[in-house]
């Protein structure tokens, strides 16, 4: 029987609640400790989910000898330091996306994980769900022939938020690209890898980050048209088109449970029953890697995370979007 993997959670906001709800559905693992900069929040969180220990400092979580792996759910700008601190305490890490603000941070996180010989993975949960596995199987088996075109977007209305919110504040790693544009970029990268060229244009918020951004990625035989925005809602369906057919992922494609293969005009739909909201599959992957002593996932490697960070850096550089401490 597989040993239980003991989890800790750092940062107890909205995403942590979703993650922990799914974690409790996964067999052979257990949440044993949580940490927040606010001890009362930690106590409330631990009471809600029946967790043994609630810490008011992150250092206490790093030093908890029972914890095997820490899920980092803090704000974007804190992923770097929190991950480094956890790794240096010999804790495996599943860090919420984006892994780092830029490629320099991601490179340092990878170097630290390699030096410490500890598991590290970016929590791009879409990659691990059954629908995405089906998408990859169809493409790799040649169901739609040579891939020629990807269209994917992610947007929601957020203009009612304050400029100091995490969406728009540069100090908090704000902007649609890092928050949600990472998903369309991930899709294009997963299916086509690094482009020959990348062109991006942004509409900036008064705070200087992107409130909407459009990207065109060009490959030797394909293109990807990608978009993210905080300025409007839309039906988020992804299209993946090849010379012999098309694949459509229902709205909201990054968390959808239905995918359709179309060949010669005939659709074939597949609907998956997810366990929980779908975070369960990245949890299962992390558990398996920790049990086997792996330092990274073969499904979403550290090289993949670095490539994604490099593309996002290029998008921001083209639009002169910088975060505190970065060289302009």
C-alpha atoms as a PDB file:
ATOM      1  CA  UNK A   1       0.000   0.000   0.000  1.00  0.00           C
ATOM      2  CA  UNK A   2       1.287   3.484  -0.888  1.00  0.00           C
ATOM      3  CA  UNK A   3       2.443   5.560   2.039  1.00  0.00           C
ATOM      4  CA  UNK A   4       0.540   8.723   2.852  1.00  0.00           C
ATOM      5  CA  UNK A   5       2.133  11.902   1.520  1.00  0.00           C
ATOM      6  CA  UNK A   6       1.915  14.625   4.177  1.00  0.00           C
ATOM      7  CA  UNK A   7       1.040  18.075   2.840  1.00  0.00           C
ATOM      8  CA  UNK A   8       1.404  21.597   4.143  1.00  0.00           C
ATOM      9  CA  UNK A   9      -0.228  24.684   2.597  1.00  0.00           C
ATOM     10  CA  UNK A  10       1.356  28.145   2.597  1.00  0.00           C
ATOM     11  CA  UNK A  11      -0.961  31.084   1.855  1.00  0.00           C
ATOM     12  CA  UNK A  12      -4.616  30.598   2.653  1.00  0.00           C
ATOM     13  CA  UNK A  13      -6.570  32.627   0.111  1.00  0.00           C
ATOM     14  CA  UNK A  14      -9.298  31.591  -2.318  1.00  0.00           C
ATOM     15  CA  UNK A  15      -7.180  29.182  -4.366  1.00  0.00           C
ATOM     16  CA  UNK A  16      -5.985  27.379  -1.231  1.00  0.00           C
ATOM     17  CA  UNK A  17      -9.601  26.590  -0.265  1.00  0.00           C
ATOM     18  CA  UNK A  18     -10.261  25.060  -3.693  1.00  0.00           C
ATOM     19  CA  UNK A  19      -7.037  23.090  -3.598  1.00  0.00           C
ATOM     20  CA  UNK A  20      -7.556  21.694  -0.104  1.00  0.00           C
ATOM     21  CA  UNK A  21     -11.152  20.687  -0.896  1.00  0.00           C
ATOM     22  CA  UNK A  22      -9.737  18.531  -3.694  1.00  0.00           C
ATOM     23  CA  UNK A  23      -6.765  17.320  -1.661  1.00  0.00           C
ATOM     24  CA  UNK A  24      -9.171  15.765   0.829  1.00  0.00           C
ATOM     25  CA  UNK A  25     -10.667  13.651  -1.972  1.00  0.00           C
ATOM     26  CA  UNK A  26      -7.325  12.051  -2.866  1.00  0.00           C
ATOM     27  CA  UNK A  27      -6.384   8.773  -1.210  1.00  0.00           C
ATOM     28  CA  UNK A  28      -3.023   8.139   0.452  1.00  0.00           C
ATOM     29  CA  UNK A  29      -2.269  11.742   1.293  1.00  0.00           C
ATOM     30  CA  UNK A  30      -3.154  14.069   4.144  1.00  0.00           C
ATOM     31  CA  UNK A  31      -3.049  17.768   4.927  1.00  0.00           C
ATOM     32  CA  UNK A  32      -1.226  18.062   8.255  1.00  0.00           C
ATOM     33  CA  UNK A  33      -0.322  21.760   8.561  1.00  0.00           C
ATOM     34  CA  UNK A  34      -1.193  25.189   7.183  1.00  0.00           C
ATOM     35  CA  UNK A  35       0.516  28.560   7.507  1.00  0.00           C
ATOM     36  CA  UNK A  36      -0.461  32.191   7.069  1.00  0.00           C
ATOM     37  CA  UNK A  37       1.094  35.512   8.018  1.00  0.00           C
ATOM     38  CA  UNK A  38      -2.108  35.924  10.065  1.00  0.00           C
ATOM     39  CA  UNK A  39      -2.335  33.244  12.759  1.00  0.00           C
ATOM     40  CA  UNK A  40      -6.089  33.728  13.207  1.00  0.00           C
ATOM     41  CA  UNK A  41      -6.645  33.045   9.518  1.00  0.00           C
ATOM     42  CA  UNK A  42      -4.526  29.912   9.855  1.00  0.00           C
ATOM     43  CA  UNK A  43      -6.571  28.742  12.834  1.00  0.00           C
ATOM     44  CA  UNK A  44      -9.872  29.352  11.020  1.00  0.00           C
ATOM     45  CA  UNK A  45      -8.614  27.504   7.951  1.00  0.00           C
ATOM     46  CA  UNK A  46      -7.355  24.558   9.976  1.00  0.00           C
ATOM     47  CA  UNK A  47     -10.623  24.305  11.878  1.00  0.00           C
ATOM     48  CA  UNK A  48     -12.657  24.315   8.661  1.00  0.00           C
ATOM     49  CA  UNK A  49     -10.654  21.476   7.121  1.00  0.00           C
ATOM     50  CA  UNK A  50      -9.747  19.528  10.242  1.00  0.00           C
ATOM     51  CA  UNK A  51      -6.011  20.200  10.034  1.00  0.00           C
ATOM     52  CA  UNK A  52      -3.796  19.338  13.001  1.00  0.00           C
ATOM     53  CA  UNK A  53      -1.494  22.362  13.036  1.00  0.00           C
ATOM     54  CA  UNK A  54      -1.983  26.037  12.172  1.00  0.00           C
ATOM     55  CA  UNK A  55       1.061  28.310  12.000  1.00  0.00           C
ATOM     56  CA  UNK A  56       1.283  32.085  12.058  1.00  0.00           C
ATOM     57  CA  UNK A  57       4.745  32.036  10.471  1.00  0.00           C
ATOM     58  CA  UNK A  58       5.955  30.328   7.316  1.00  0.00           C
ATOM     59  CA  UNK A  59       9.194  29.342   9.028  1.00  0.00           C
ATOM     60  CA  UNK A  60       7.232  27.082  11.363  1.00  0.00           C
ATOM     61  CA  UNK A  61       5.762  25.251   8.386  1.00  0.00           C
ATOM     62  CA  UNK A  62       9.181  24.836   6.748  1.00  0.00           C
ATOM     63  CA  UNK A  63      10.517  23.297   9.982  1.00  0.00           C
ATOM     64  CA  UNK A  64       7.595  20.905  10.492  1.00  0.00           C
ATOM     65  CA  UNK A  65       9.299  17.520  10.256  1.00  0.00           C
ATOM     66  CA  UNK A  66       6.081  15.695   9.354  1.00  0.00           C
ATOM     67  CA  UNK A  67       5.478  17.729   6.180  1.00  0.00           C
ATOM     68  CA  UNK A  68       6.705  16.101   2.950  1.00  0.00           C
ATOM     69  CA  UNK A  69       5.507  18.691   0.435  1.00  0.00           C
ATOM     70  CA  UNK A  70       4.261  22.278   0.595  1.00  0.00           C
ATOM     71  CA  UNK A  71       1.690  23.791  -1.736  1.00  0.00           C
ATOM     72  CA  UNK A  72       2.648  27.463  -2.224  1.00  0.00           C
ATOM     73  CA  UNK A  73      -0.533  29.498  -2.714  1.00  0.00           C
ATOM     74  CA  UNK A  74       0.754  32.983  -1.898  1.00  0.00           C
ATOM     75  CA  UNK A  75       0.588  35.984  -4.241  1.00  0.00           C
ATOM     76  CA  UNK A  76       2.623  35.971  -7.454  1.00  0.00           C
ATOM     77  CA  UNK A  77       5.397  38.192  -6.135  1.00  0.00           C
ATOM     78  CA  UNK A  78       5.985  35.879  -3.167  1.00  0.00           C
ATOM     79  CA  UNK A  79       6.275  32.560  -5.049  1.00  0.00           C
ATOM     80  CA  UNK A  80      10.018  33.005  -5.538  1.00  0.00           C
ATOM     81  CA  UNK A  81      11.085  33.522  -1.928  1.00  0.00           C
ATOM     82  CA  UNK A  82       8.574  31.130  -0.414  1.00  0.00           C
ATOM     83  CA  UNK A  83       9.631  28.367  -2.787  1.00  0.00           C
ATOM     84  CA  UNK A  84      13.335  28.954  -2.165  1.00  0.00           C
ATOM     85  CA  UNK A  85      12.800  28.900   1.593  1.00  0.00           C
ATOM     86  CA  UNK A  86      10.805  25.662   1.433  1.00  0.00           C
ATOM     87  CA  UNK A  87      13.346  23.954  -0.844  1.00  0.00           C
ATOM     88  CA  UNK A  88      16.235  24.982   1.410  1.00  0.00           C
ATOM     89  CA  UNK A  89      14.414  23.257   4.277  1.00  0.00           C
ATOM     90  CA  UNK A  90      14.293  20.092   2.154  1.00  0.00           C
ATOM     91  CA  UNK A  91      10.566  20.333   1.487  1.00  0.00           C
ATOM     92  CA  UNK A  92       9.161  19.264  -1.859  1.00  0.00           C
ATOM     93  CA  UNK A  93       7.165  22.088  -3.475  1.00  0.00           C
ATOM     94  CA  UNK A  94       4.084  22.400  -5.656  1.00  0.00           C
ATOM     95  CA  UNK A  95       3.989  26.131  -6.425  1.00  0.00           C
ATOM     96  CA  UNK A  96       0.949  27.854  -7.856  1.00  0.00           C
ATOM     97  CA  UNK A  97       1.409  29.337 -11.318  1.00  0.00           C
ATOM     98  CA  UNK A  98       3.256  31.371 -12.410  1.00  0.00           C
ATOM     99  CA  UNK A  99       6.246  29.636 -10.861  1.00  0.00           C
ATOM    100  CA  UNK A 100       8.126  32.953 -10.813  1.00  0.00           C
ATOM    101  CA  UNK A 101       7.659  36.542 -11.945  1.00  0.00           C
ATOM    102  CA  UNK A 102      10.319  36.126 -14.642  1.00  0.00           C
ATOM    103  CA  UNK A 103      12.763  33.612 -16.080  1.00  0.00           C
ATOM    104  CA  UNK A 104      15.569  34.733 -13.753  1.00  0.00           C
ATOM    105  CA  UNK A 105      13.483  33.796 -10.730  1.00  0.00           C
ATOM    106  CA  UNK A 106      12.436  30.493 -12.285  1.00  0.00           C
ATOM    107  CA  UNK A 107      16.069  29.664 -13.126  1.00  0.00           C
ATOM    108  CA  UNK A 108      17.114  30.283  -9.532  1.00  0.00           C
ATOM    109  CA  UNK A 109      14.227  28.163  -8.222  1.00  0.00           C
ATOM    110  CA  UNK A 110      15.277  25.321 -10.514  1.00  0.00           C
ATOM    111  CA  UNK A 111      18.937  25.601  -9.472  1.00  0.00           C
ATOM    112  CA  UNK A 112      17.939  25.491  -5.814  1.00  0.00           C
ATOM    113  CA  UNK A 113      15.720  22.442  -6.309  1.00  0.00           C
ATOM    114  CA  UNK A 114      18.547  20.678  -8.154  1.00  0.00           C
ATOM    115  CA  UNK A 115      21.121  21.596  -5.492  1.00  0.00           C
ATOM    116  CA  UNK A 116      18.851  20.443  -2.678  1.00  0.00           C
ATOM    117  CA  UNK A 117      17.759  17.378  -4.696  1.00  0.00           C
ATOM    118  CA  UNK A 118      14.122  18.129  -3.874  1.00  0.00           C
ATOM    119  CA  UNK A 119      10.959  17.878  -6.002  1.00  0.00           C
ATOM    120  CA  UNK A 120       9.596  21.086  -7.552  1.00  0.00           C
ATOM    121  CA  UNK A 121       6.621  21.526  -9.888  1.00  0.00           C
ATOM    122  CA  UNK A 122       4.543  24.428 -11.167  1.00  0.00           C
ATOM    123  CA  UNK A 123       0.845  23.946 -10.435  1.00  0.00           C
ATOM    124  CA  UNK A 124      -0.488  24.199 -13.981  1.00  0.00           C
ATOM    125  CA  UNK A 125      -3.422  21.987 -13.086  1.00  0.00           C
ATOM    126  CA  UNK A 126      -4.943  21.916 -16.596  1.00  0.00           C
ATOM    127  CA  UNK A 127      -2.015  19.814 -17.820  1.00  0.00           C
ATOM    128  CA  UNK A 128      -2.873  16.893 -15.572  1.00  0.00           C
ATOM    129  CA  UNK A 129      -6.617  16.448 -16.002  1.00  0.00           C
ATOM    130  CA  UNK A 130      -8.078  13.555 -18.057  1.00  0.00           C
ATOM    131  CA  UNK A 131      -9.441  15.830 -20.798  1.00  0.00           C
ATOM    132  CA  UNK A 132      -5.991  17.198 -21.519  1.00  0.00           C
ATOM    133  CA  UNK A 133      -4.566  13.688 -21.623  1.00  0.00           C
ATOM    134  CA  UNK A 134      -7.210  12.884 -24.259  1.00  0.00           C
ATOM    135  CA  UNK A 135      -6.244  15.970 -26.265  1.00  0.00           C
ATOM    136  CA  UNK A 136      -2.595  14.906 -26.293  1.00  0.00           C
ATOM    137  CA  UNK A 137      -3.496  11.335 -27.263  1.00  0.00           C
ATOM    138  CA  UNK A 138      -5.545  12.513 -30.250  1.00  0.00           C
ATOM    139  CA  UNK A 139      -2.793  14.830 -31.481  1.00  0.00           C
ATOM    140  CA  UNK A 140       0.064  12.378 -30.935  1.00  0.00           C
ATOM    141  CA  UNK A 141      -1.831   9.591 -32.721  1.00  0.00           C
ATOM    142  CA  UNK A 142      -2.379  11.836 -35.750  1.00  0.00           C
ATOM    143  CA  UNK A 143      -6.173  12.143 -35.483  1.00  0.00           C
ATOM    144  CA  UNK A 144      -6.155  15.693 -36.872  1.00  0.00           C
ATOM    145  CA  UNK A 145      -2.984  15.395 -38.945  1.00  0.00           C
ATOM    146  CA  UNK A 146      -0.371  18.130 -38.981  1.00  0.00           C
ATOM    147  CA  UNK A 147      -1.280  20.805 -36.433  1.00  0.00           C
ATOM    148  CA  UNK A 148      -1.728  24.192 -38.142  1.00  0.00           C
ATOM    149  CA  UNK A 149      -3.654  26.526 -35.838  1.00  0.00           C
ATOM    150  CA  UNK A 150      -4.511  27.134 -32.176  1.00  0.00           C
ATOM    151  CA  UNK A 151      -6.941  29.729 -30.898  1.00  0.00           C
ATOM    152  CA  UNK A 152      -7.354  30.166 -27.145  1.00  0.00           C
ATOM    153  CA  UNK A 153      -8.256  32.982 -24.792  1.00  0.00           C
ATOM    154  CA  UNK A 154      -8.931  33.608 -21.119  1.00  0.00           C
ATOM    155  CA  UNK A 155     -10.806  36.674 -19.969  1.00  0.00           C
ATOM    156  CA  UNK A 156     -13.134  37.961 -17.284  1.00  0.00           C
ATOM    157  CA  UNK A 157     -14.401  41.365 -16.188  1.00  0.00           C
ATOM    158  CA  UNK A 158     -12.193  42.781 -13.468  1.00  0.00           C
ATOM    159  CA  UNK A 159     -12.314  46.549 -14.037  1.00  0.00           C
ATOM    160  CA  UNK A 160     -14.409  46.901 -10.894  1.00  0.00           C
ATOM    161  CA  UNK A 161     -11.361  45.947  -8.808  1.00  0.00           C
ATOM    162  CA  UNK A 162      -9.146  48.566  -7.174  1.00  0.00           C
ATOM    163  CA  UNK A 163      -5.789  49.335  -8.790  1.00  0.00           C
ATOM    164  CA  UNK A 164      -4.180  48.002  -5.600  1.00  0.00           C
ATOM    165  CA  UNK A 165      -5.786  44.594  -6.124  1.00  0.00           C
ATOM    166  CA  UNK A 166      -3.620  41.634  -7.108  1.00  0.00           C
ATOM    167  CA  UNK A 167      -4.957  41.991 -10.689  1.00  0.00           C
ATOM    168  CA  UNK A 168      -3.471  45.419 -11.327  1.00  0.00           C
ATOM    169  CA  UNK A 169      -0.781  46.114  -8.729  1.00  0.00           C
ATOM    170  CA  UNK A 170       2.774  45.648 -10.140  1.00  0.00           C
ATOM    171  CA  UNK A 171       4.024  45.040  -6.586  1.00  0.00           C
ATOM    172  CA  UNK A 172       1.760  41.966  -6.482  1.00  0.00           C
ATOM    173  CA  UNK A 173       2.765  40.638  -9.894  1.00  0.00           C
ATOM    174  CA  UNK A 174      -0.427  41.952 -11.477  1.00  0.00           C
ATOM    175  CA  UNK A 175      -1.523  41.905 -15.102  1.00  0.00           C
ATOM    176  CA  UNK A 176      -3.623  39.542 -17.162  1.00  0.00           C
ATOM    177  CA  UNK A 177      -0.622  37.754 -18.673  1.00  0.00           C
ATOM    178  CA  UNK A 178       0.743  36.239 -15.467  1.00  0.00           C
ATOM    179  CA  UNK A 179      -2.690  35.669 -13.967  1.00  0.00           C
ATOM    180  CA  UNK A 180      -4.620  34.120 -16.875  1.00  0.00           C
ATOM    181  CA  UNK A 181      -2.702  34.656 -20.137  1.00  0.00           C
ATOM    182  CA  UNK A 182      -0.346  31.954 -18.944  1.00  0.00           C
ATOM    183  CA  UNK A 183      -3.042  29.375 -19.786  1.00  0.00           C
ATOM    184  CA  UNK A 184      -3.307  30.082 -23.553  1.00  0.00           C
ATOM    185  CA  UNK A 185       0.496  30.336 -23.741  1.00  0.00           C
ATOM    186  CA  UNK A 186       0.787  27.009 -21.938  1.00  0.00           C
ATOM    187  CA  UNK A 187      -1.593  25.387 -24.429  1.00  0.00           C
ATOM    188  CA  UNK A 188       0.397  26.599 -27.430  1.00  0.00           C
ATOM    189  CA  UNK A 189       3.694  25.599 -25.852  1.00  0.00           C
ATOM    190  CA  UNK A 190       2.460  22.149 -24.822  1.00  0.00           C
ATOM    191  CA  UNK A 191       1.298  21.359 -28.359  1.00  0.00           C
ATOM    192  CA  UNK A 192       3.859  23.237 -30.482  1.00  0.00           C
ATOM    193  CA  UNK A 193       6.766  24.074 -28.129  1.00  0.00           C
ATOM    194  CA  UNK A 194       8.769  27.288 -28.637  1.00  0.00           C
ATOM    195  CA  UNK A 195       7.739  29.511 -31.582  1.00  0.00           C
ATOM    196  CA  UNK A 196       9.988  30.905 -34.280  1.00  0.00           C
ATOM    197  CA  UNK A 197       8.519  34.334 -33.567  1.00  0.00           C
ATOM    198  CA  UNK A 198       6.213  35.866 -30.975  1.00  0.00           C
ATOM    199  CA  UNK A 199       4.405  39.177 -31.417  1.00  0.00           C
ATOM    200  CA  UNK A 200       2.342  40.752 -28.659  1.00  0.00           C
ATOM    201  CA  UNK A 201       0.416  43.972 -28.124  1.00  0.00           C
ATOM    202  CA  UNK A 202      -1.114  45.111 -24.855  1.00  0.00           C
ATOM    203  CA  UNK A 203      -3.606  47.615 -23.500  1.00  0.00           C
ATOM    204  CA  UNK A 204      -2.212  48.776 -20.169  1.00  0.00           C
ATOM    205  CA  UNK A 205      -4.000  49.720 -16.990  1.00  0.00           C
ATOM    206  CA  UNK A 206      -3.179  53.033 -15.250  1.00  0.00           C
ATOM    207  CA  UNK A 207      -0.861  51.065 -12.956  1.00  0.00           C
ATOM    208  CA  UNK A 208       1.284  50.013 -15.919  1.00  0.00           C
ATOM    209  CA  UNK A 209       0.464  46.310 -16.156  1.00  0.00           C
ATOM    210  CA  UNK A 210      -1.531  44.744 -18.967  1.00  0.00           C
ATOM    211  CA  UNK A 211      -5.307  44.717 -18.624  1.00  0.00           C
ATOM    212  CA  UNK A 212      -5.575  42.943 -21.962  1.00  0.00           C
ATOM    213  CA  UNK A 213      -3.018  41.411 -24.249  1.00  0.00           C
ATOM    214  CA  UNK A 214      -3.030  39.712 -27.668  1.00  0.00           C
ATOM    215  CA  UNK A 215      -0.324  37.350 -28.907  1.00  0.00           C
ATOM    216  CA  UNK A 216       0.513  35.693 -32.226  1.00  0.00           C
ATOM    217  CA  UNK A 217       2.990  32.819 -32.147  1.00  0.00           C
ATOM    218  CA  UNK A 218       4.424  31.600 -35.452  1.00  0.00           C
ATOM    219  CA  UNK A 219       5.945  28.170 -36.024  1.00  0.00           C
ATOM    220  CA  UNK A 220       7.378  26.503 -39.124  1.00  0.00           C
ATOM    221  CA  UNK A 221       3.966  25.086 -40.119  1.00  0.00           C
ATOM    222  CA  UNK A 222       1.540  26.619 -37.633  1.00  0.00           C
ATOM    223  CA  UNK A 223       0.291  29.696 -35.827  1.00  0.00           C
ATOM    224  CA  UNK A 224      -1.348  30.305 -32.470  1.00  0.00           C
ATOM    225  CA  UNK A 225      -3.589  33.299 -31.763  1.00  0.00           C
ATOM    226  CA  UNK A 226      -3.864  33.852 -28.009  1.00  0.00           C
ATOM    227  CA  UNK A 227      -5.501  36.457 -25.787  1.00  0.00           C
ATOM    228  CA  UNK A 228      -6.108  37.374 -22.152  1.00  0.00           C
ATOM    229  CA  UNK A 229      -8.055  40.196 -20.560  1.00  0.00           C
ATOM    230  CA  UNK A 230      -9.556  41.659 -17.387  1.00  0.00           C
ATOM    231  CA  UNK A 231     -11.847  43.949 -19.412  1.00  0.00           C
ATOM    232  CA  UNK A 232     -14.750  41.687 -20.429  1.00  0.00           C
ATOM    233  CA  UNK A 233     -16.355  38.283 -20.122  1.00  0.00           C
ATOM    234  CA  UNK A 234     -16.467  35.871 -23.041  1.00  0.00           C
ATOM    235  CA  UNK A 235     -17.149  32.281 -24.022  1.00  0.00           C
ATOM    236  CA  UNK A 236     -13.753  30.675 -23.522  1.00  0.00           C
ATOM    237  CA  UNK A 237     -13.611  27.803 -26.018  1.00  0.00           C
ATOM    238  CA  UNK A 238     -10.297  26.597 -27.424  1.00  0.00           C
ATOM    239  CA  UNK A 239      -9.795  25.429 -31.003  1.00  0.00           C
ATOM    240  CA  UNK A 240      -6.951  23.188 -32.149  1.00  0.00           C
ATOM    241  CA  UNK A 241      -6.972  22.662 -35.929  1.00  0.00           C
ATOM    242  CA  UNK A 242      -5.023  20.269 -38.108  1.00  0.00           C
ATOM    243  CA  UNK A 243      -4.976  19.330 -41.776  1.00  0.00           C
ATOM    244  CA  UNK A 244      -7.300  16.363 -41.186  1.00  0.00           C
ATOM    245  CA  UNK A 245      -9.613  17.619 -38.450  1.00  0.00           C
ATOM    246  CA  UNK A 246     -10.262  19.890 -35.499  1.00  0.00           C
ATOM    247  CA  UNK A 247     -10.494  19.607 -31.731  1.00  0.00           C
ATOM    248  CA  UNK A 248     -12.661  21.930 -29.666  1.00  0.00           C
ATOM    249  CA  UNK A 249     -12.543  22.245 -25.879  1.00  0.00           C
ATOM    250  CA  UNK A 250     -15.757  23.563 -24.348  1.00  0.00           C
ATOM    251  CA  UNK A 251     -15.945  26.755 -22.305  1.00  0.00           C
ATOM    252  CA  UNK A 252     -14.104  27.417 -19.958  1.00  0.00           C
ATOM    253  CA  UNK A 253     -11.494  25.397 -21.750  1.00  0.00           C
ATOM    254  CA  UNK A 254      -8.816  25.374 -19.030  1.00  0.00           C
ATOM    255  CA  UNK A 255     -11.205  23.545 -16.672  1.00  0.00           C
ATOM    256  CA  UNK A 256     -13.725  22.052 -19.117  1.00  0.00           C
ATOM    257  CA  UNK A 257     -14.880  18.451 -18.920  1.00  0.00           C
ATOM    258  CA  UNK A 258     -16.030  18.108 -22.564  1.00  0.00           C
ATOM    259  CA  UNK A 259     -13.829  17.903 -25.660  1.00  0.00           C
ATOM    260  CA  UNK A 260     -14.903  17.314 -29.281  1.00  0.00           C
ATOM    261  CA  UNK A 261     -12.984  15.777 -32.153  1.00  0.00           C
ATOM    262  CA  UNK A 262     -14.317  16.736 -35.604  1.00  0.00           C
ATOM    263  CA  UNK A 263     -13.268  14.782 -38.723  1.00  0.00           C
ATOM    264  CA  UNK A 264     -14.877  15.320 -42.116  1.00  0.00           C
ATOM    265  CA  UNK A 265     -17.547  17.376 -40.392  1.00  0.00           C
ATOM    266  CA  UNK A 266     -18.526  14.571 -38.000  1.00  0.00           C
ATOM    267  CA  UNK A 267     -18.170  15.424 -34.284  1.00  0.00           C
ATOM    268  CA  UNK A 268     -17.180  12.935 -31.594  1.00  0.00           C
ATOM    269  CA  UNK A 269     -17.673  14.291 -28.077  1.00  0.00           C
ATOM    270  CA  UNK A 270     -16.025  13.014 -24.917  1.00  0.00           C
ATOM    271  CA  UNK A 271     -17.154  14.136 -21.459  1.00  0.00           C
ATOM    272  CA  UNK A 272     -15.108  13.341 -18.378  1.00  0.00           C
ATOM    273  CA  UNK A 273     -16.249  13.079 -14.777  1.00  0.00           C
ATOM    274  CA  UNK A 274     -13.626  14.929 -12.768  1.00  0.00           C
ATOM    275  CA  UNK A 275     -12.758  13.999  -9.219  1.00  0.00           C
ATOM    276  CA  UNK A 276     -13.512  17.247  -7.390  1.00  0.00           C
ATOM    277  CA  UNK A 277     -12.846  20.495  -9.218  1.00  0.00           C
ATOM    278  CA  UNK A 278      -9.874  18.994 -11.051  1.00  0.00           C
ATOM    279  CA  UNK A 279      -6.933  19.963  -8.838  1.00  0.00           C
ATOM    280  CA  UNK A 280      -6.912  16.316  -7.800  1.00  0.00           C
ATOM    281  CA  UNK A 281      -4.879  15.298 -10.842  1.00  0.00           C
ATOM    282  CA  UNK A 282      -1.920  17.584 -10.162  1.00  0.00           C
ATOM    283  CA  UNK A 283      -2.058  16.378  -6.562  1.00  0.00           C
ATOM    284  CA  UNK A 284      -1.927  12.755  -7.717  1.00  0.00           C
ATOM    285  CA  UNK A 285       1.052  13.568  -9.953  1.00  0.00           C
ATOM    286  CA  UNK A 286       2.908  15.346  -7.144  1.00  0.00           C
ATOM    287  CA  UNK A 287       2.175  12.492  -4.708  1.00  0.00           C
ATOM    288  CA  UNK A 288       3.553   9.926  -7.145  1.00  0.00           C
ATOM    289  CA  UNK A 289       6.697  11.960  -7.786  1.00  0.00           C
ATOM    290  CA  UNK A 290       7.349  12.420  -4.065  1.00  0.00           C
ATOM    291  CA  UNK A 291       6.848   8.715  -3.342  1.00  0.00           C
ATOM    292  CA  UNK A 292       9.257   7.748  -6.118  1.00  0.00           C
ATOM    293  CA  UNK A 293      11.863  10.323  -5.110  1.00  0.00           C
ATOM    294  CA  UNK A 294      11.590  12.223  -8.399  1.00  0.00           C
ATOM    295  CA  UNK A 295      12.809  15.799  -8.563  1.00  0.00           C
ATOM    296  CA  UNK A 296      10.387  16.858 -11.292  1.00  0.00           C
ATOM    297  CA  UNK A 297       7.379  15.683 -13.262  1.00  0.00           C
ATOM    298  CA  UNK A 298       7.750  14.168 -16.714  1.00  0.00           C
ATOM    299  CA  UNK A 299       4.351  15.632 -17.654  1.00  0.00           C
ATOM    300  CA  UNK A 300       5.249  19.240 -16.831  1.00  0.00           C
ATOM    301  CA  UNK A 301       8.972  19.552 -16.308  1.00  0.00           C
ATOM    302  CA  UNK A 302      11.065  22.380 -14.918  1.00  0.00           C
ATOM    303  CA  UNK A 303      12.366  22.959 -18.452  1.00  0.00           C
ATOM    304  CA  UNK A 304       8.751  23.517 -19.505  1.00  0.00           C
ATOM    305  CA  UNK A 305       8.187  26.046 -16.713  1.00  0.00           C
ATOM    306  CA  UNK A 306      11.342  27.923 -17.715  1.00  0.00           C
ATOM    307  CA  UNK A 307      10.284  28.025 -21.377  1.00  0.00           C
ATOM    308  CA  UNK A 308       6.893  29.433 -20.377  1.00  0.00           C
ATOM    309  CA  UNK A 309       8.573  32.114 -18.240  1.00  0.00           C
ATOM    310  CA  UNK A 310      10.843  33.034 -21.151  1.00  0.00           C
ATOM    311  CA  UNK A 311       7.845  33.555 -23.440  1.00  0.00           C
ATOM    312  CA  UNK A 312       6.052  35.692 -20.866  1.00  0.00           C
ATOM    313  CA  UNK A 313       9.206  37.772 -20.410  1.00  0.00           C
ATOM    314  CA  UNK A 314       9.312  38.352 -24.173  1.00  0.00           C
ATOM    315  CA  UNK A 315       5.638  39.380 -24.239  1.00  0.00           C
ATOM    316  CA  UNK A 316       6.207  41.880 -21.434  1.00  0.00           C
ATOM    317  CA  UNK A 317       9.448  43.214 -22.932  1.00  0.00           C
ATOM    318  CA  UNK A 318       7.703  43.978 -26.227  1.00  0.00           C
ATOM    319  CA  UNK A 319       5.142  46.021 -24.312  1.00  0.00           C
ATOM    320  CA  UNK A 320       7.497  47.588 -21.750  1.00  0.00           C
ATOM    321  CA  UNK A 321       5.752  45.976 -18.806  1.00  0.00           C
ATOM    322  CA  UNK A 322       8.103  45.652 -15.826  1.00  0.00           C
ATOM    323  CA  UNK A 323       7.812  44.621 -12.208  1.00  0.00           C
ATOM    324  CA  UNK A 324       9.685  46.189  -9.275  1.00  0.00           C
ATOM    325  CA  UNK A 325      13.339  45.180  -9.286  1.00  0.00           C
ATOM    326  CA  UNK A 326      13.468  44.229 -12.954  1.00  0.00           C
ATOM    327  CA  UNK A 327      15.886  45.891 -15.359  1.00  0.00           C
ATOM    328  CA  UNK A 328      14.111  48.090 -17.889  1.00  0.00           C
END
